[in-house]
Amino acid sequence: MGKLTTHILDLTCGKPAADVKVELKKLDESIMKEAYTNNDGRVDVPLLAGEELVSGEYVMEFHAGDYFASKNVNTADQPFLTIVTVRFHLADPEADYHIPLLLSPFGYQVYRGS
């Protein structure tokens, strides 16, 4: 059975981003999972695994503004990025999906990893 995982790298310091709130939703539904990243920038268990992982459209929200505010990183009065939203489609419930986020206070990159 497949699984969905994520991790976050803080590009301002080149280290994993710990204590970032991550929310996962199936499109047009309520929050399915809520987790925080650990010291390695990863959630402790897959966001979806086994029978939980079904085909469909999903939204993952990374609470970047709260993270950078806690680090006193932003130079602006208000954070530029508040919540980074990634919308994606999981096609194969048997596959492993990994969604890494490279994050800075003013930009980000996301991709399907392995």
PDB file of N, CA and C in Angstrom:
ATOM      1  N   MET A   1       0.841  -1.180   0.000  1.00  0.00           N
ATOM      2  CA  MET A   1       0.000   0.000   0.000  1.00  0.00           C
ATOM      3  C   MET A   1       0.885   1.242   0.000  1.00  0.00           C
ATOM      4  N   GLY A   2       0.386   2.295  -0.612  1.00  0.00           N
ATOM      5  CA  GLY A   2       1.146   3.521  -0.733  1.00  0.00           C
ATOM      6  C   GLY A   2       1.085   4.388   0.511  1.00  0.00           C
ATOM      7  N   LYS A   3       1.826   5.505   0.440  1.00  0.00           N
ATOM      8  CA  LYS A   3       1.812   6.455   1.546  1.00  0.00           C
ATOM      9  C   LYS A   3       2.102   7.860   1.026  1.00  0.00           C
ATOM     10  N   LEU A   4       1.715   8.859   1.822  1.00  0.00           N
ATOM     11  CA  LEU A   4       1.958  10.270   1.529  1.00  0.00           C
ATOM     12  C   LEU A   4       2.788  10.852   2.656  1.00  0.00           C
ATOM     13  N   THR A   5       3.957  11.406   2.313  1.00  0.00           N
ATOM     14  CA  THR A   5       4.845  12.010   3.296  1.00  0.00           C
ATOM     15  C   THR A   5       5.268  13.398   2.824  1.00  0.00           C
ATOM     16  N   THR A   6       5.857  14.158   3.734  1.00  0.00           N
ATOM     17  CA  THR A   6       6.348  15.489   3.402  1.00  0.00           C
ATOM     18  C   THR A   6       7.528  15.835   4.295  1.00  0.00           C
ATOM     19  N   HIS A   7       8.290  16.819   3.887  1.00  0.00           N
ATOM     20  CA  HIS A   7       9.270  17.440   4.773  1.00  0.00           C
ATOM     21  C   HIS A   7       9.533  18.854   4.285  1.00  0.00           C
ATOM     22  N   ILE A   8      10.091  19.668   5.183  1.00  0.00           N
ATOM     23  CA  ILE A   8      10.296  21.094   4.898  1.00  0.00           C
ATOM     24  C   ILE A   8      11.732  21.471   5.226  1.00  0.00           C
ATOM     25  N   LEU A   9      12.369  22.166   4.295  1.00  0.00           N
ATOM     26  CA  LEU A   9      13.705  22.709   4.496  1.00  0.00           C
ATOM     27  C   LEU A   9      13.610  24.227   4.509  1.00  0.00           C
ATOM     28  N   ASP A  10      14.123  24.844   5.562  1.00  0.00           N
ATOM     29  CA  ASP A  10      14.156  26.298   5.689  1.00  0.00           C
ATOM     30  C   ASP A  10      15.390  26.811   4.956  1.00  0.00           C
ATOM     31  N   LEU A  11      15.186  27.469   3.826  1.00  0.00           N
ATOM     32  CA  LEU A  11      16.303  27.933   3.000  1.00  0.00           C
ATOM     33  C   LEU A  11      17.032  29.126   3.599  1.00  0.00           C
ATOM     34  N   THR A  12      16.441  29.792   4.590  1.00  0.00           N
ATOM     35  CA  THR A  12      17.132  30.932   5.209  1.00  0.00           C
ATOM     36  C   THR A  12      18.317  30.471   6.055  1.00  0.00           C
ATOM     37  N   CYS A  13      18.262  29.236   6.541  1.00  0.00           N
ATOM     38  CA  CYS A  13      19.364  28.737   7.365  1.00  0.00           C
ATOM     39  C   CYS A  13      19.907  27.396   6.861  1.00  0.00           C
ATOM     40  N   GLY A  14      19.275  26.836   5.831  1.00  0.00           N
ATOM     41  CA  GLY A  14      19.742  25.573   5.274  1.00  0.00           C
ATOM     42  C   GLY A  14      19.529  24.384   6.193  1.00  0.00           C
ATOM     43  N   LYS A  15      18.478  24.474   7.026  1.00  0.00           N
ATOM     44  CA  LYS A  15      18.202  23.401   7.978  1.00  0.00           C
ATOM     45  C   LYS A  15      16.742  22.983   7.892  1.00  0.00           C
ATOM     46  N   PRO A  16      16.416  21.810   8.415  1.00  0.00           N
ATOM     47  CA  PRO A  16      15.005  21.405   8.457  1.00  0.00           C
ATOM     48  C   PRO A  16      14.178  22.407   9.263  1.00  0.00           C
ATOM     49  N   ALA A  17      12.928  22.564   8.861  1.00  0.00           N
ATOM     50  CA  ALA A  17      12.011  23.482   9.536  1.00  0.00           C
ATOM     51  C   ALA A  17      11.178  22.689  10.545  1.00  0.00           C
ATOM     52  N   ALA A  18      11.449  22.893  11.828  1.00  0.00           N
ATOM     53  CA  ALA A  18      10.739  22.176  12.892  1.00  0.00           C
ATOM     54  C   ALA A  18       9.533  22.969  13.357  1.00  0.00           C
ATOM     55  N   ASP A  19       8.531  22.269  13.833  1.00  0.00           N
ATOM     56  CA  ASP A  19       7.322  22.861  14.428  1.00  0.00           C
ATOM     57  C   ASP A  19       6.486  23.661  13.437  1.00  0.00           C
ATOM     58  N   VAL A  20       6.446  23.211  12.197  1.00  0.00           N
ATOM     59  CA  VAL A  20       5.568  23.829  11.196  1.00  0.00           C
ATOM     60  C   VAL A  20       4.263  23.035  11.163  1.00  0.00           C
ATOM     61  N   LYS A  21       3.165  23.728  11.286  1.00  0.00           N
ATOM     62  CA  LYS A  21       1.858  23.078  11.217  1.00  0.00           C
ATOM     63  C   LYS A  21       1.566  22.716   9.761  1.00  0.00           C
ATOM     64  N   VAL A  22       1.142  21.469   9.539  1.00  0.00           N
ATOM     65  CA  VAL A  22       0.783  20.971   8.218  1.00  0.00           C
ATOM     66  C   VAL A  22      -0.636  20.417   8.310  1.00  0.00           C
ATOM     67  N   GLU A  23      -1.501  20.883   7.423  1.00  0.00           N
ATOM     68  CA  GLU A  23      -2.868  20.374   7.362  1.00  0.00           C
ATOM     69  C   GLU A  23      -3.093  19.718   6.011  1.00  0.00           C
ATOM     70  N   LEU A  24      -3.765  18.584   6.020  1.00  0.00           N
ATOM     71  CA  LEU A  24      -4.102  17.873   4.797  1.00  0.00           C
ATOM     72  C   LEU A  24      -5.611  17.769   4.696  1.00  0.00           C
ATOM     73  N   LYS A  25      -6.122  18.097   3.512  1.00  0.00           N
ATOM     74  CA  LYS A  25      -7.562  18.016   3.255  1.00  0.00           C
ATOM     75  C   LYS A  25      -7.771  17.324   1.923  1.00  0.00           C
ATOM     76  N   LYS A  26      -8.824  16.576   1.824  1.00  0.00           N
ATOM     77  CA  LYS A  26      -9.278  16.121   0.519  1.00  0.00           C
ATOM     78  C   LYS A  26     -10.071  17.293  -0.041  1.00  0.00           C
ATOM     79  N   LEU A  27      -9.940  17.593  -1.307  1.00  0.00           N
ATOM     80  CA  LEU A  27     -10.551  18.782  -1.894  1.00  0.00           C
ATOM     81  C   LEU A  27     -12.032  18.866  -1.538  1.00  0.00           C
ATOM     82  N   ASP A  28     -12.444  20.037  -1.103  1.00  0.00           N
ATOM     83  CA  ASP A  28     -13.833  20.333  -0.729  1.00  0.00           C
ATOM     84  C   ASP A  28     -14.308  19.557   0.494  1.00  0.00           C
ATOM     85  N   GLU A  29     -13.388  19.098   1.312  1.00  0.00           N
ATOM     86  CA  GLU A  29     -13.752  18.421   2.548  1.00  0.00           C
ATOM     87  C   GLU A  29     -13.026  19.083   3.708  1.00  0.00           C
ATOM     88  N   SER A  30     -13.352  18.689   4.902  1.00  0.00           N
ATOM     89  CA  SER A  30     -12.719  19.254   6.084  1.00  0.00           C
ATOM     90  C   SER A  30     -11.315  18.671   6.261  1.00  0.00           C
ATOM     91  N   ILE A  31     -10.630  19.173   7.256  1.00  0.00           N
ATOM     92  CA  ILE A  31      -9.268  18.716   7.537  1.00  0.00           C
ATOM     93  C   ILE A  31      -9.279  17.226   7.849  1.00  0.00           C
ATOM     94  N   MET A  32      -8.418  16.499   7.159  1.00  0.00           N
ATOM     95  CA  MET A  32      -8.273  15.063   7.392  1.00  0.00           C
ATOM     96  C   MET A  32      -7.213  14.802   8.451  1.00  0.00           C
ATOM     97  N   LYS A  33      -6.107  15.517   8.320  1.00  0.00           N
ATOM     98  CA  LYS A  33      -4.966  15.321   9.211  1.00  0.00           C
ATOM     99  C   LYS A  33      -4.357  16.676   9.541  1.00  0.00           C
ATOM    100  N   GLU A  34      -3.851  16.775  10.743  1.00  0.00           N
ATOM    101  CA  GLU A  34      -3.092  17.943  11.175  1.00  0.00           C
ATOM    102  C   GLU A  34      -1.875  17.413  11.911  1.00  0.00           C
ATOM    103  N   ALA A  35      -0.706  17.926  11.553  1.00  0.00           N
ATOM    104  CA  ALA A  35       0.525  17.456  12.171  1.00  0.00           C
ATOM    105  C   ALA A  35       1.511  18.611  12.233  1.00  0.00           C
ATOM    106  N   TYR A  36       2.550  18.427  13.003  1.00  0.00           N
ATOM    107  CA  TYR A  36       3.651  19.391  13.082  1.00  0.00           C
ATOM    108  C   TYR A  36       4.934  18.673  12.707  1.00  0.00           C
ATOM    109  N   THR A  37       5.820  19.394  12.045  1.00  0.00           N
ATOM    110  CA  THR A  37       7.095  18.794  11.662  1.00  0.00           C
ATOM    111  C   THR A  37       7.984  18.627  12.903  1.00  0.00           C
ATOM    112  N   ASN A  38       8.810  17.598  12.865  1.00  0.00           N
ATOM    113  CA  ASN A  38       9.745  17.335  13.953  1.00  0.00           C
ATOM    114  C   ASN A  38      11.066  18.067  13.698  1.00  0.00           C
ATOM    115  N   ASN A  39      12.089  17.775  14.481  1.00  0.00           N
ATOM    116  CA  ASN A  39      13.381  18.460  14.336  1.00  0.00           C
ATOM    117  C   ASN A  39      14.068  18.178  13.008  1.00  0.00           C
ATOM    118  N   ASP A  40      13.630  17.131  12.313  1.00  0.00           N
ATOM    119  CA  ASP A  40      14.175  16.810  10.999  1.00  0.00           C
ATOM    120  C   ASP A  40      13.326  17.418   9.878  1.00  0.00           C
ATOM    121  N   GLY A  41      12.317  18.237  10.242  1.00  0.00           N
ATOM    122  CA  GLY A  41      11.460  18.874   9.252  1.00  0.00           C
ATOM    123  C   GLY A  41      10.430  17.944   8.643  1.00  0.00           C
ATOM    124  N   ARG A  42      10.221  16.783   9.254  1.00  0.00           N
ATOM    125  CA  ARG A  42       9.281  15.789   8.746  1.00  0.00           C
ATOM    126  C   ARG A  42       8.166  15.565   9.763  1.00  0.00           C
ATOM    127  N   VAL A  43       7.029  15.099   9.284  1.00  0.00           N
ATOM    128  CA  VAL A  43       6.003  14.652  10.222  1.00  0.00           C
ATOM    129  C   VAL A  43       6.391  13.244  10.666  1.00  0.00           C
ATOM    130  N   ASP A  44       6.024  12.875  11.884  1.00  0.00           N
ATOM    131  CA  ASP A  44       6.491  11.611  12.456  1.00  0.00           C
ATOM    132  C   ASP A  44       5.948  10.369  11.766  1.00  0.00           C
ATOM    133  N   VAL A  45       4.752  10.466  11.217  1.00  0.00           N
ATOM    134  CA  VAL A  45       4.152   9.322  10.519  1.00  0.00           C
ATOM    135  C   VAL A  45       3.600   9.831   9.186  1.00  0.00           C
ATOM    136  N   PRO A  46       3.421   8.956   8.203  1.00  0.00           N
ATOM    137  CA  PRO A  46       2.838   9.409   6.937  1.00  0.00           C
ATOM    138  C   PRO A  46       1.490  10.098   7.164  1.00  0.00           C
ATOM    139  N   LEU A  47       1.220  11.114   6.348  1.00  0.00           N
ATOM    140  CA  LEU A  47      -0.072  11.802   6.430  1.00  0.00           C
ATOM    141  C   LEU A  47      -1.204  10.889   5.983  1.00  0.00           C
ATOM    142  N   LEU A  48      -0.926  10.060   5.002  1.00  0.00           N
ATOM    143  CA  LEU A  48      -1.863   9.020   4.566  1.00  0.00           C
ATOM    144  C   LEU A  48      -1.047   7.758   4.337  1.00  0.00           C
ATOM    145  N   ALA A  49      -1.657   6.627   4.656  1.00  0.00           N
ATOM    146  CA  ALA A  49      -0.981   5.352   4.407  1.00  0.00           C
ATOM    147  C   ALA A  49      -2.027   4.259   4.291  1.00  0.00           C
ATOM    148  N   GLY A  50      -1.681   3.244   3.506  1.00  0.00           N
ATOM    149  CA  GLY A  50      -2.553   2.089   3.372  1.00  0.00           C
ATOM    150  C   GLY A  50      -3.915   2.455   2.817  1.00  0.00           C
ATOM    151  N   GLU A  51      -4.959   1.993   3.489  1.00  0.00           N
ATOM    152  CA  GLU A  51      -6.325   2.196   3.004  1.00  0.00           C
ATOM    153  C   GLU A  51      -6.778   3.651   3.072  1.00  0.00           C
ATOM    154  N   GLU A  52      -6.095   4.466   3.869  1.00  0.00           N
ATOM    155  CA  GLU A  52      -6.429   5.902   3.935  1.00  0.00           C
ATOM    156  C   GLU A  52      -6.120   6.607   2.612  1.00  0.00           C
ATOM    157  N   LEU A  53      -5.108   6.121   1.899  1.00  0.00           N
ATOM    158  CA  LEU A  53      -4.680   6.768   0.663  1.00  0.00           C
ATOM    159  C   LEU A  53      -5.586   6.304  -0.469  1.00  0.00           C
ATOM    160  N   VAL A  54      -6.438   7.199  -0.912  1.00  0.00           N
ATOM    161  CA  VAL A  54      -7.330   6.909  -2.030  1.00  0.00           C
ATOM    162  C   VAL A  54      -7.106   7.951  -3.118  1.00  0.00           C
ATOM    163  N   SER A  55      -7.413   7.601  -4.339  1.00  0.00           N
ATOM    164  CA  SER A  55      -7.266   8.532  -5.457  1.00  0.00           C
ATOM    165  C   SER A  55      -8.119   9.760  -5.228  1.00  0.00           C
ATOM    166  N   GLY A  56      -7.617  10.905  -5.697  1.00  0.00           N
ATOM    167  CA  GLY A  56      -8.393  12.123  -5.601  1.00  0.00           C
ATOM    168  C   GLY A  56      -7.530  13.362  -5.502  1.00  0.00           C
ATOM    169  N   GLU A  57      -8.215  14.504  -5.440  1.00  0.00           N
ATOM    170  CA  GLU A  57      -7.564  15.811  -5.306  1.00  0.00           C
ATOM    171  C   GLU A  57      -7.408  16.139  -3.822  1.00  0.00           C
ATOM    172  N   TYR A  58      -6.222  16.613  -3.473  1.00  0.00           N
ATOM    173  CA  TYR A  58      -5.910  16.953  -2.084  1.00  0.00           C
ATOM    174  C   TYR A  58      -5.316  18.352  -2.011  1.00  0.00           C
ATOM    175  N   VAL A  59      -5.378  18.912  -0.814  1.00  0.00           N
ATOM    176  CA  VAL A  59      -4.759  20.202  -0.533  1.00  0.00           C
ATOM    177  C   VAL A  59      -3.931  20.038   0.738  1.00  0.00           C
ATOM    178  N   MET A  60      -2.668  20.442   0.663  1.00  0.00           N
ATOM    179  CA  MET A  60      -1.805  20.447   1.830  1.00  0.00           C
ATOM    180  C   MET A  60      -1.472  21.902   2.142  1.00  0.00           C
ATOM    181  N   GLU A  61      -1.647  22.289   3.386  1.00  0.00           N
ATOM    182  CA  GLU A  61      -1.373  23.667   3.805  1.00  0.00           C
ATOM    183  C   GLU A  61      -0.230  23.669   4.810  1.00  0.00           C
ATOM    184  N   PHE A  62       0.789  24.454   4.499  1.00  0.00           N
ATOM    185  CA  PHE A  62       1.958  24.616   5.349  1.00  0.00           C
ATOM    186  C   PHE A  62       1.871  26.007   5.982  1.00  0.00           C
ATOM    187  N   HIS A  63       1.833  26.086   7.289  1.00  0.00           N
ATOM    188  CA  HIS A  63       1.645  27.356   7.996  1.00  0.00           C
ATOM    189  C   HIS A  63       2.991  28.078   8.148  1.00  0.00           C
ATOM    190  N   ALA A  64       3.443  28.647   7.051  1.00  0.00           N
ATOM    191  CA  ALA A  64       4.752  29.289   6.977  1.00  0.00           C
ATOM    192  C   ALA A  64       4.824  30.574   7.787  1.00  0.00           C
ATOM    193  N   GLY A  65       3.759  31.373   7.775  1.00  0.00           N
ATOM    194  CA  GLY A  65       3.778  32.650   8.483  1.00  0.00           C
ATOM    195  C   GLY A  65       4.002  32.474   9.972  1.00  0.00           C
ATOM    196  N   ASP A  66       3.302  31.538  10.572  1.00  0.00           N
ATOM    197  CA  ASP A  66       3.478  31.266  12.003  1.00  0.00           C
ATOM    198  C   ASP A  66       4.899  30.789  12.294  1.00  0.00           C
ATOM    199  N   TYR A  67       5.422  29.941  11.418  1.00  0.00           N
ATOM    200  CA  TYR A  67       6.781  29.416  11.598  1.00  0.00           C
ATOM    201  C   TYR A  67       7.802  30.547  11.580  1.00  0.00           C
ATOM    202  N   PHE A  68       7.762  31.392  10.541  1.00  0.00           N
ATOM    203  CA  PHE A  68       8.755  32.460  10.451  1.00  0.00           C
ATOM    204  C   PHE A  68       8.561  33.513  11.539  1.00  0.00           C
ATOM    205  N   ALA A  69       7.329  33.766  11.936  1.00  0.00           N
ATOM    206  CA  ALA A  69       7.090  34.701  13.039  1.00  0.00           C
ATOM    207  C   ALA A  69       7.731  34.184  14.322  1.00  0.00           C
ATOM    208  N   SER A  70       7.659  32.890  14.550  1.00  0.00           N
ATOM    209  CA  SER A  70       8.263  32.322  15.766  1.00  0.00           C
ATOM    210  C   SER A  70       9.784  32.407  15.734  1.00  0.00           C
ATOM    211  N   LYS A  71      10.348  32.518  14.547  1.00  0.00           N
ATOM    212  CA  LYS A  71      11.800  32.624  14.389  1.00  0.00           C
ATOM    213  C   LYS A  71      12.263  34.074  14.275  1.00  0.00           C
ATOM    214  N   ASN A  72      11.325  35.018  14.256  1.00  0.00           N
ATOM    215  CA  ASN A  72      11.637  36.441  14.063  1.00  0.00           C
ATOM    216  C   ASN A  72      12.452  36.666  12.794  1.00  0.00           C
ATOM    217  N   VAL A  73      12.088  35.960  11.717  1.00  0.00           N
ATOM    218  CA  VAL A  73      12.847  36.016  10.468  1.00  0.00           C
ATOM    219  C   VAL A  73      12.375  37.143   9.563  1.00  0.00           C
ATOM    220  N   ASN A  74      11.071  37.377   9.479  1.00  0.00           N
ATOM    221  CA  ASN A  74      10.562  38.374   8.546  1.00  0.00           C
ATOM    222  C   ASN A  74      11.014  39.773   8.925  1.00  0.00           C
ATOM    223  N   THR A  75      11.333  40.550   7.910  1.00  0.00           N
ATOM    224  CA  THR A  75      11.704  41.938   8.159  1.00  0.00           C
ATOM    225  C   THR A  75      10.508  42.866   7.980  1.00  0.00           C
ATOM    226  N   ALA A  76       9.443  42.368   7.393  1.00  0.00           N
ATOM    227  CA  ALA A  76       8.238  43.174   7.192  1.00  0.00           C
ATOM    228  C   ALA A  76       7.360  43.114   8.440  1.00  0.00           C
ATOM    229  N   ASP A  77       6.410  44.066   8.537  1.00  0.00           N
ATOM    230  CA  ASP A  77       5.481  44.071   9.662  1.00  0.00           C
ATOM    231  C   ASP A  77       4.617  42.817   9.672  1.00  0.00           C
ATOM    232  N   GLN A  78       4.211  42.375   8.510  1.00  0.00           N
ATOM    233  CA  GLN A  78       3.392  41.183   8.367  1.00  0.00           C
ATOM    234  C   GLN A  78       4.142  40.190   7.483  1.00  0.00           C
ATOM    235  N   PRO A  79       4.018  38.913   7.755  1.00  0.00           N
ATOM    236  CA  PRO A  79       4.698  37.948   6.884  1.00  0.00           C
ATOM    237  C   PRO A  79       4.121  37.985   5.474  1.00  0.00           C
ATOM    238  N   PHE A  80       4.980  37.813   4.489  1.00  0.00           N
ATOM    239  CA  PHE A  80       4.539  37.773   3.093  1.00  0.00           C
ATOM    240  C   PHE A  80       3.796  36.471   2.824  1.00  0.00           C
ATOM    241  N   LEU A  81       4.394  35.360   3.189  1.00  0.00           N
ATOM    242  CA  LEU A  81       3.741  34.054   3.037  1.00  0.00           C
ATOM    243  C   LEU A  81       3.089  33.698   4.366  1.00  0.00           C
ATOM    244  N   THR A  82       1.797  33.490   4.342  1.00  0.00           N
ATOM    245  CA  THR A  82       1.108  33.088   5.564  1.00  0.00           C
ATOM    246  C   THR A  82       0.881  31.582   5.556  1.00  0.00           C
ATOM    247  N   ILE A  83       0.183  31.088   4.567  1.00  0.00           N
ATOM    248  CA  ILE A  83      -0.036  29.652   4.407  1.00  0.00           C
ATOM    249  C   ILE A  83       0.301  29.281   2.964  1.00  0.00           C
ATOM    250  N   VAL A  84       1.224  28.361   2.806  1.00  0.00           N
ATOM    251  CA  VAL A  84       1.572  27.849   1.481  1.00  0.00           C
ATOM    252  C   VAL A  84       0.616  26.691   1.201  1.00  0.00           C
ATOM    253  N   THR A  85      -0.167  26.843   0.147  1.00  0.00           N
ATOM    254  CA  THR A  85      -1.166  25.848  -0.215  1.00  0.00           C
ATOM    255  C   THR A  85      -0.714  25.103  -1.457  1.00  0.00           C
ATOM    256  N   VAL A  86      -0.702  23.789  -1.362  1.00  0.00           N
ATOM    257  CA  VAL A  86      -0.310  22.942  -2.484  1.00  0.00           C
ATOM    258  C   VAL A  86      -1.491  22.032  -2.799  1.00  0.00           C
ATOM    259  N   ARG A  87      -1.989  22.142  -4.022  1.00  0.00           N
ATOM    260  CA  ARG A  87      -3.095  21.295  -4.469  1.00  0.00           C
ATOM    261  C   ARG A  87      -2.523  20.266  -5.435  1.00  0.00           C
ATOM    262  N   PHE A  88      -2.874  18.995  -5.216  1.00  0.00           N
ATOM    263  CA  PHE A  88      -2.285  17.928  -6.025  1.00  0.00           C
ATOM    264  C   PHE A  88      -3.260  16.774  -6.164  1.00  0.00           C
ATOM    265  N   HIS A  89      -2.954  15.896  -7.101  1.00  0.00           N
ATOM    266  CA  HIS A  89      -3.796  14.740  -7.371  1.00  0.00           C
ATOM    267  C   HIS A  89      -3.013  13.468  -7.073  1.00  0.00           C
ATOM    268  N   LEU A  90      -3.604  12.595  -6.282  1.00  0.00           N
ATOM    269  CA  LEU A  90      -3.039  11.270  -6.047  1.00  0.00           C
ATOM    270  C   LEU A  90      -3.791  10.286  -6.926  1.00  0.00           C
ATOM    271  N   ALA A  91      -3.088   9.691  -7.871  1.00  0.00           N
ATOM    272  CA  ALA A  91      -3.738   8.822  -8.847  1.00  0.00           C
ATOM    273  C   ALA A  91      -3.705   7.350  -8.452  1.00  0.00           C
ATOM    274  N   ASP A  92      -2.607   6.923  -7.850  1.00  0.00           N
ATOM    275  CA  ASP A  92      -2.394   5.498  -7.606  1.00  0.00           C
ATOM    276  C   ASP A  92      -2.278   5.222  -6.106  1.00  0.00           C
ATOM    277  N   PRO A  93      -3.280   4.610  -5.508  1.00  0.00           N
ATOM    278  CA  PRO A  93      -3.242   4.330  -4.072  1.00  0.00           C
ATOM    279  C   PRO A  93      -2.109   3.391  -3.649  1.00  0.00           C
ATOM    280  N   GLU A  94      -1.498   2.720  -4.600  1.00  0.00           N
ATOM    281  CA  GLU A  94      -0.398   1.798  -4.293  1.00  0.00           C
ATOM    282  C   GLU A  94       0.962   2.510  -4.302  1.00  0.00           C
ATOM    283  N   ALA A  95       0.992   3.747  -4.792  1.00  0.00           N
ATOM    284  CA  ALA A  95       2.260   4.466  -4.960  1.00  0.00           C
ATOM    285  C   ALA A  95       2.625   5.242  -3.693  1.00  0.00           C
ATOM    286  N   ASP A  96       3.908   5.531  -3.569  1.00  0.00           N
ATOM    287  CA  ASP A  96       4.392   6.418  -2.517  1.00  0.00           C
ATOM    288  C   ASP A  96       4.496   7.823  -3.095  1.00  0.00           C
ATOM    289  N   TYR A  97       3.966   8.787  -2.356  1.00  0.00           N
ATOM    290  CA  TYR A  97       4.018  10.195  -2.747  1.00  0.00           C
ATOM    291  C   TYR A  97       4.751  10.956  -1.650  1.00  0.00           C
ATOM    292  N   HIS A  98       5.752  11.727  -2.061  1.00  0.00           N
ATOM    293  CA  HIS A  98       6.512  12.542  -1.115  1.00  0.00           C
ATOM    294  C   HIS A  98       6.500  13.972  -1.639  1.00  0.00           C
ATOM    295  N   ILE A  99       6.083  14.903  -0.797  1.00  0.00           N
ATOM    296  CA  ILE A  99       5.960  16.301  -1.219  1.00  0.00           C
ATOM    297  C   ILE A  99       6.866  17.156  -0.346  1.00  0.00           C
ATOM    298  N   PRO A 100       8.108  17.420  -0.799  1.00  0.00           N
ATOM    299  CA  PRO A 100       9.010  18.291  -0.067  1.00  0.00           C
ATOM    300  C   PRO A 100       8.697  19.765  -0.349  1.00  0.00           C
ATOM    301  N   LEU A 101       8.954  20.598   0.644  1.00  0.00           N
ATOM    302  CA  LEU A 101       8.782  22.043   0.517  1.00  0.00           C
ATOM    303  C   LEU A 101      10.096  22.717   0.868  1.00  0.00           C
ATOM    304  N   LEU A 102      10.627  23.506  -0.067  1.00  0.00           N
ATOM    305  CA  LEU A 102      11.793  24.346   0.182  1.00  0.00           C
ATOM    306  C   LEU A 102      11.238  25.736   0.445  1.00  0.00           C
ATOM    307  N   LEU A 103      11.528  26.309   1.606  1.00  0.00           N
ATOM    308  CA  LEU A 103      10.797  27.478   2.082  1.00  0.00           C
ATOM    309  C   LEU A 103      11.718  28.606   2.502  1.00  0.00           C
ATOM    310  N   SER A 104      11.347  29.821   2.115  1.00  0.00           N
ATOM    311  CA  SER A 104      11.981  31.034   2.623  1.00  0.00           C
ATOM    312  C   SER A 104      10.851  32.006   2.966  1.00  0.00           C
ATOM    313  N   PRO A 105      11.145  33.121   3.633  1.00  0.00           N
ATOM    314  CA  PRO A 105      10.067  34.043   3.998  1.00  0.00           C
ATOM    315  C   PRO A 105       9.349  34.667   2.796  1.00  0.00           C
ATOM    316  N   PHE A 106       9.989  34.649   1.629  1.00  0.00           N
ATOM    317  CA  PHE A 106       9.420  35.347   0.482  1.00  0.00           C
ATOM    318  C   PHE A 106       9.220  34.474  -0.750  1.00  0.00           C
ATOM    319  N   GLY A 107       9.394  33.173  -0.607  1.00  0.00           N
ATOM    320  CA  GLY A 107       9.181  32.286  -1.741  1.00  0.00           C
ATOM    321  C   GLY A 107       9.311  30.835  -1.324  1.00  0.00           C
ATOM    322  N   TYR A 108       8.928  29.958  -2.231  1.00  0.00           N
ATOM    323  CA  TYR A 108       8.990  28.528  -1.937  1.00  0.00           C
ATOM    324  C   TYR A 108       9.048  27.732  -3.227  1.00  0.00           C
ATOM    325  N   GLN A 109       9.434  26.473  -3.099  1.00  0.00           N
ATOM    326  CA  GLN A 109       9.406  25.522  -4.197  1.00  0.00           C
ATOM    327  C   GLN A 109       8.890  24.216  -3.632  1.00  0.00           C
ATOM    328  N   VAL A 110       8.045  23.572  -4.386  1.00  0.00           N
ATOM    329  CA  VAL A 110       7.495  22.286  -3.989  1.00  0.00           C
ATOM    330  C   VAL A 110       7.574  21.355  -5.193  1.00  0.00           C
ATOM    331  N   TYR A 111       7.722  20.071  -4.929  1.00  0.00           N
ATOM    332  CA  TYR A 111       7.837  19.112  -6.021  1.00  0.00           C
ATOM    333  C   TYR A 111       7.462  17.731  -5.517  1.00  0.00           C
ATOM    334  N   ARG A 112       7.267  16.812  -6.432  1.00  0.00           N
ATOM    335  CA  ARG A 112       7.051  15.424  -6.036  1.00  0.00           C
ATOM    336  C   ARG A 112       8.401  14.764  -5.908  1.00  0.00           C
ATOM    337  N   GLY A 113       8.724  14.385  -4.708  1.00  0.00           N
ATOM    338  CA  GLY A 113       9.988  13.733  -4.448  1.00  0.00           C
ATOM    339  C   GLY A 113       9.838  12.226  -4.467  1.00  0.00           C
ATOM    340  N   SER A 114      10.873  11.562  -3.988  1.00  0.00           N
ATOM    341  CA  SER A 114      10.837  10.102  -3.958  1.00  0.00           C
ATOM    342  C   SER A 114      11.058   9.594  -2.553  1.00  0.00           C
TER     343      SER A 114
END
